């Protein structure tokens, strides 16, 4: 089974990179068992999405969430939300 690895030096001998990529989902799956209600599961999914979107835009999730939690309470219905998007936060 090591023939491919020996023949092609570009191949990795382990799959640690792939396992690290899926680890948050494996850990999350155990944590999500405690979302007792549909609303709680929705809230967890939204928070997880915010954190992952911040990471995808090279932002500190803590700083981005701090900004959101500071700005959102002062919004009124119908206000423009574009300034809350992570790619706009990066510009400010």
N, C-alpha and C. Protein backbone atom coordinates (compact mmCIF):
# COMPACT_ATOMS: atom_id res chain seq x y z
N UNK A 1 0.81 -1.20 0.00
CA UNK A 1 0.00 0.00 0.00
C UNK A 1 0.85 1.26 0.00
N UNK A 2 2.10 1.16 0.27
CA UNK A 2 2.97 2.33 0.27
C UNK A 2 3.59 2.60 -1.10
N UNK A 3 3.29 1.77 -2.09
CA UNK A 3 3.90 1.95 -3.40
C UNK A 3 3.61 3.33 -3.98
N UNK A 4 2.37 3.79 -3.90
CA UNK A 4 2.02 5.12 -4.45
C UNK A 4 2.82 6.21 -3.74
N UNK A 5 2.92 6.10 -2.43
CA UNK A 5 3.66 7.10 -1.67
C UNK A 5 5.13 7.12 -2.06
N UNK A 6 5.69 5.96 -2.25
CA UNK A 6 7.11 5.87 -2.61
C UNK A 6 7.35 6.38 -4.03
N UNK A 7 6.40 6.12 -4.94
CA UNK A 7 6.57 6.53 -6.33
C UNK A 7 6.38 8.03 -6.54
N UNK A 8 5.55 8.66 -5.74
CA UNK A 8 5.25 10.08 -5.92
C UNK A 8 5.54 10.83 -4.63
N UNK A 9 6.62 11.59 -4.62
CA UNK A 9 7.06 12.30 -3.42
C UNK A 9 6.15 13.44 -3.01
N UNK A 10 5.19 13.82 -3.85
CA UNK A 10 4.27 14.91 -3.50
C UNK A 10 3.17 14.45 -2.55
N UNK A 11 2.97 13.14 -2.45
CA UNK A 11 1.90 12.62 -1.61
C UNK A 11 2.28 12.68 -0.14
N UNK A 12 1.30 12.98 0.68
CA UNK A 12 1.52 13.02 2.13
C UNK A 12 1.36 11.62 2.69
N UNK A 13 2.15 11.31 3.70
CA UNK A 13 2.08 9.97 4.27
C UNK A 13 0.89 9.82 5.22
N UNK A 14 0.30 10.93 5.63
CA UNK A 14 -0.86 10.84 6.51
C UNK A 14 -1.97 11.75 6.01
N UNK A 15 -3.09 11.73 6.68
CA UNK A 15 -4.21 12.56 6.29
C UNK A 15 -4.55 13.58 7.38
N UNK A 16 -3.54 14.00 8.12
CA UNK A 16 -3.76 14.94 9.22
C UNK A 16 -4.43 16.23 8.75
N UNK A 17 -4.05 16.70 7.59
CA UNK A 17 -4.63 17.94 7.08
C UNK A 17 -6.14 17.81 6.90
N UNK A 18 -6.57 16.70 6.32
CA UNK A 18 -8.00 16.47 6.12
C UNK A 18 -8.72 16.29 7.45
N UNK A 19 -8.08 15.59 8.38
CA UNK A 19 -8.71 15.37 9.69
C UNK A 19 -8.84 16.67 10.47
N UNK A 20 -7.86 17.55 10.36
CA UNK A 20 -7.95 18.86 11.03
C UNK A 20 -9.06 19.71 10.43
N UNK A 21 -9.30 19.55 9.15
CA UNK A 21 -10.34 20.34 8.48
C UNK A 21 -11.74 19.94 8.94
N UNK A 22 -11.96 18.68 9.25
CA UNK A 22 -13.30 18.23 9.65
C UNK A 22 -13.48 18.16 11.16
N UNK A 23 -12.43 18.40 11.90
CA UNK A 23 -12.51 18.30 13.36
C UNK A 23 -13.56 19.23 13.97
N UNK A 24 -13.65 20.50 13.57
CA UNK A 24 -14.69 21.36 14.17
C UNK A 24 -16.09 20.80 14.02
N UNK A 25 -16.36 20.12 12.92
CA UNK A 25 -17.68 19.55 12.73
C UNK A 25 -17.90 18.34 13.64
N UNK A 26 -16.85 17.55 13.86
CA UNK A 26 -16.98 16.40 14.75
C UNK A 26 -17.20 16.87 16.19
N UNK A 27 -16.46 17.86 16.62
CA UNK A 27 -16.65 18.41 17.97
C UNK A 27 -18.02 19.07 18.07
N UNK A 28 -18.38 19.83 17.05
CA UNK A 28 -19.68 20.50 17.04
C UNK A 28 -20.83 19.53 17.11
N UNK A 29 -20.69 18.40 16.44
CA UNK A 29 -21.77 17.41 16.44
C UNK A 29 -22.10 16.97 17.87
N UNK A 30 -21.07 16.80 18.69
CA UNK A 30 -21.32 16.42 20.08
C UNK A 30 -21.98 17.57 20.85
N UNK A 31 -21.54 18.79 20.57
CA UNK A 31 -22.12 19.94 21.26
C UNK A 31 -23.56 20.20 20.83
N UNK A 32 -23.86 19.95 19.57
CA UNK A 32 -25.19 20.23 19.04
C UNK A 32 -26.25 19.29 19.61
N UNK A 33 -25.82 18.20 20.24
CA UNK A 33 -26.79 17.31 20.86
C UNK A 33 -27.56 18.01 21.97
N UNK A 34 -26.98 19.08 22.51
CA UNK A 34 -27.59 19.78 23.63
C UNK A 34 -28.46 20.95 23.20
N UNK A 35 -28.68 21.11 21.92
CA UNK A 35 -29.64 22.11 21.43
C UNK A 35 -31.02 21.49 21.59
N UNK A 36 -31.67 21.80 22.70
CA UNK A 36 -32.92 21.13 23.06
C UNK A 36 -34.10 21.51 22.17
N UNK A 37 -34.03 22.67 21.56
CA UNK A 37 -35.17 23.12 20.76
C UNK A 37 -34.71 23.49 19.36
N UNK A 38 -35.67 23.59 18.49
CA UNK A 38 -35.39 24.00 17.11
C UNK A 38 -34.82 25.43 17.11
N UNK A 39 -35.36 26.29 17.95
CA UNK A 39 -34.89 27.67 18.03
C UNK A 39 -33.44 27.72 18.53
N UNK A 40 -33.12 26.88 19.51
CA UNK A 40 -31.75 26.81 20.02
C UNK A 40 -30.77 26.34 18.95
N UNK A 41 -31.20 25.37 18.16
CA UNK A 41 -30.36 24.87 17.06
C UNK A 41 -30.16 25.95 16.00
N UNK A 42 -31.22 26.70 15.70
CA UNK A 42 -31.10 27.81 14.74
C UNK A 42 -30.12 28.87 15.25
N UNK A 43 -30.21 29.20 16.53
CA UNK A 43 -29.31 30.20 17.11
C UNK A 43 -27.87 29.73 17.05
N UNK A 44 -27.63 28.46 17.35
CA UNK A 44 -26.27 27.90 17.28
C UNK A 44 -25.74 27.95 15.85
N UNK A 45 -26.59 27.61 14.89
CA UNK A 45 -26.18 27.61 13.49
C UNK A 45 -25.84 29.03 13.03
N UNK A 46 -26.63 30.01 13.46
CA UNK A 46 -26.36 31.40 13.07
C UNK A 46 -25.03 31.88 13.66
N UNK A 47 -24.81 31.58 14.93
CA UNK A 47 -23.57 32.00 15.58
C UNK A 47 -22.36 31.33 14.91
N UNK A 48 -22.49 30.04 14.62
CA UNK A 48 -21.41 29.30 13.95
C UNK A 48 -21.14 29.91 12.57
N UNK A 49 -22.19 30.28 11.86
CA UNK A 49 -22.03 30.89 10.54
C UNK A 49 -21.31 32.23 10.64
N UNK A 50 -21.65 33.03 11.64
CA UNK A 50 -20.97 34.32 11.83
C UNK A 50 -19.49 34.13 12.10
N UNK A 51 -19.16 33.19 12.95
CA UNK A 51 -17.76 32.93 13.30
C UNK A 51 -16.99 32.45 12.07
N UNK A 52 -17.55 31.50 11.34
CA UNK A 52 -16.86 30.96 10.17
C UNK A 52 -16.74 31.99 9.05
N UNK A 53 -17.73 32.87 8.91
CA UNK A 53 -17.66 33.92 7.90
C UNK A 53 -16.58 34.93 8.26
N UNK A 54 -16.46 35.24 9.55
CA UNK A 54 -15.39 36.14 9.99
C UNK A 54 -14.03 35.52 9.68
N UNK A 55 -13.87 34.24 9.99
CA UNK A 55 -12.60 33.56 9.69
C UNK A 55 -12.31 33.58 8.19
N UNK A 56 -13.33 33.33 7.38
CA UNK A 56 -13.14 33.29 5.93
C UNK A 56 -12.72 34.65 5.37
N UNK A 57 -13.04 35.72 6.09
CA UNK A 57 -12.67 37.07 5.66
C UNK A 57 -11.46 37.60 6.42
N UNK A 58 -10.69 36.69 7.02
CA UNK A 58 -9.46 37.01 7.76
C UNK A 58 -9.69 38.03 8.86
N UNK A 59 -10.82 37.89 9.57
CA UNK A 59 -11.12 38.75 10.71
C UNK A 59 -11.00 37.94 11.99
N UNK A 60 -10.77 38.63 13.07
CA UNK A 60 -10.82 38.00 14.37
C UNK A 60 -12.30 37.78 14.72
N UNK A 61 -12.73 36.54 14.93
CA UNK A 61 -14.13 36.31 15.26
C UNK A 61 -14.57 37.09 16.50
N UNK A 62 -13.71 37.20 17.50
CA UNK A 62 -14.05 37.95 18.71
C UNK A 62 -14.33 39.41 18.39
N UNK A 63 -13.42 40.03 17.63
CA UNK A 63 -13.59 41.45 17.28
C UNK A 63 -14.85 41.67 16.44
N UNK A 64 -15.09 40.77 15.50
CA UNK A 64 -16.27 40.92 14.64
C UNK A 64 -17.56 40.76 15.43
N UNK A 65 -17.62 39.74 16.30
CA UNK A 65 -18.83 39.56 17.11
C UNK A 65 -19.02 40.72 18.09
N UNK A 66 -17.93 41.22 18.64
CA UNK A 66 -18.01 42.38 19.54
C UNK A 66 -18.62 43.57 18.80
N UNK A 67 -18.17 43.79 17.58
CA UNK A 67 -18.70 44.86 16.75
C UNK A 67 -20.19 44.66 16.49
N UNK A 68 -20.58 43.44 16.12
CA UNK A 68 -21.99 43.16 15.84
C UNK A 68 -22.87 43.37 17.07
N UNK A 69 -22.42 42.84 18.22
CA UNK A 69 -23.22 42.95 19.44
C UNK A 69 -23.32 44.39 19.93
N UNK A 70 -22.37 45.22 19.52
CA UNK A 70 -22.43 46.63 19.88
C UNK A 70 -23.36 47.40 18.94
N UNK A 71 -23.34 47.05 17.65
CA UNK A 71 -24.09 47.79 16.63
C UNK A 71 -25.56 47.37 16.48
N UNK A 72 -25.83 46.09 16.57
CA UNK A 72 -27.17 45.58 16.27
C UNK A 72 -28.26 46.16 17.19
N UNK A 73 -28.03 46.30 18.49
CA UNK A 73 -29.11 46.85 19.32
C UNK A 73 -29.55 48.27 18.95
N UNK A 74 -28.68 49.03 18.32
CA UNK A 74 -29.04 50.41 17.97
C UNK A 74 -29.75 50.52 16.61
N UNK A 75 -29.90 49.41 15.90
CA UNK A 75 -30.56 49.43 14.60
C UNK A 75 -32.07 49.54 14.75
N UNK A 76 -32.68 50.16 13.77
CA UNK A 76 -34.13 50.28 13.73
C UNK A 76 -34.64 49.45 12.55
N UNK A 77 -35.89 49.01 12.60
CA UNK A 77 -36.44 48.26 11.46
C UNK A 77 -36.30 49.06 10.17
N UNK A 78 -35.83 48.41 9.14
CA UNK A 78 -35.67 49.05 7.84
C UNK A 78 -34.30 49.67 7.63
N UNK A 79 -33.44 49.68 8.67
CA UNK A 79 -32.09 50.24 8.52
C UNK A 79 -31.28 49.38 7.55
N UNK A 80 -30.33 50.03 6.89
CA UNK A 80 -29.42 49.34 5.99
C UNK A 80 -28.44 48.51 6.82
N UNK A 81 -28.25 47.24 6.45
CA UNK A 81 -27.39 46.33 7.21
C UNK A 81 -26.04 46.09 6.56
N UNK A 82 -25.78 46.75 5.43
CA UNK A 82 -24.54 46.49 4.69
C UNK A 82 -23.29 46.75 5.52
N UNK A 83 -23.34 47.73 6.41
CA UNK A 83 -22.15 48.04 7.20
C UNK A 83 -21.80 46.94 8.20
N UNK A 84 -22.73 45.99 8.42
CA UNK A 84 -22.48 44.89 9.35
C UNK A 84 -21.81 43.69 8.69
N UNK A 85 -21.77 43.67 7.38
CA UNK A 85 -21.17 42.54 6.66
C UNK A 85 -19.67 42.51 6.89
N UNK A 86 -19.10 41.31 6.98
CA UNK A 86 -17.67 41.19 7.34
C UNK A 86 -16.73 41.88 6.36
N UNK A 87 -17.04 41.87 5.08
CA UNK A 87 -16.14 42.52 4.13
C UNK A 87 -16.20 44.03 4.25
N UNK A 88 -17.28 44.58 4.78
CA UNK A 88 -17.34 46.01 5.05
C UNK A 88 -16.71 46.35 6.39
N UNK A 89 -16.77 45.44 7.31
CA UNK A 89 -16.12 45.62 8.61
C UNK A 89 -14.61 45.71 8.43
N UNK A 90 -14.09 44.92 7.50
CA UNK A 90 -12.65 44.92 7.25
C UNK A 90 -12.17 46.26 6.73
N UNK A 91 -13.04 46.99 6.03
CA UNK A 91 -12.67 48.29 5.48
C UNK A 91 -12.69 49.39 6.52
N UNK A 92 -13.49 49.19 7.57
CA UNK A 92 -13.64 50.24 8.59
C UNK A 92 -12.53 50.20 9.62
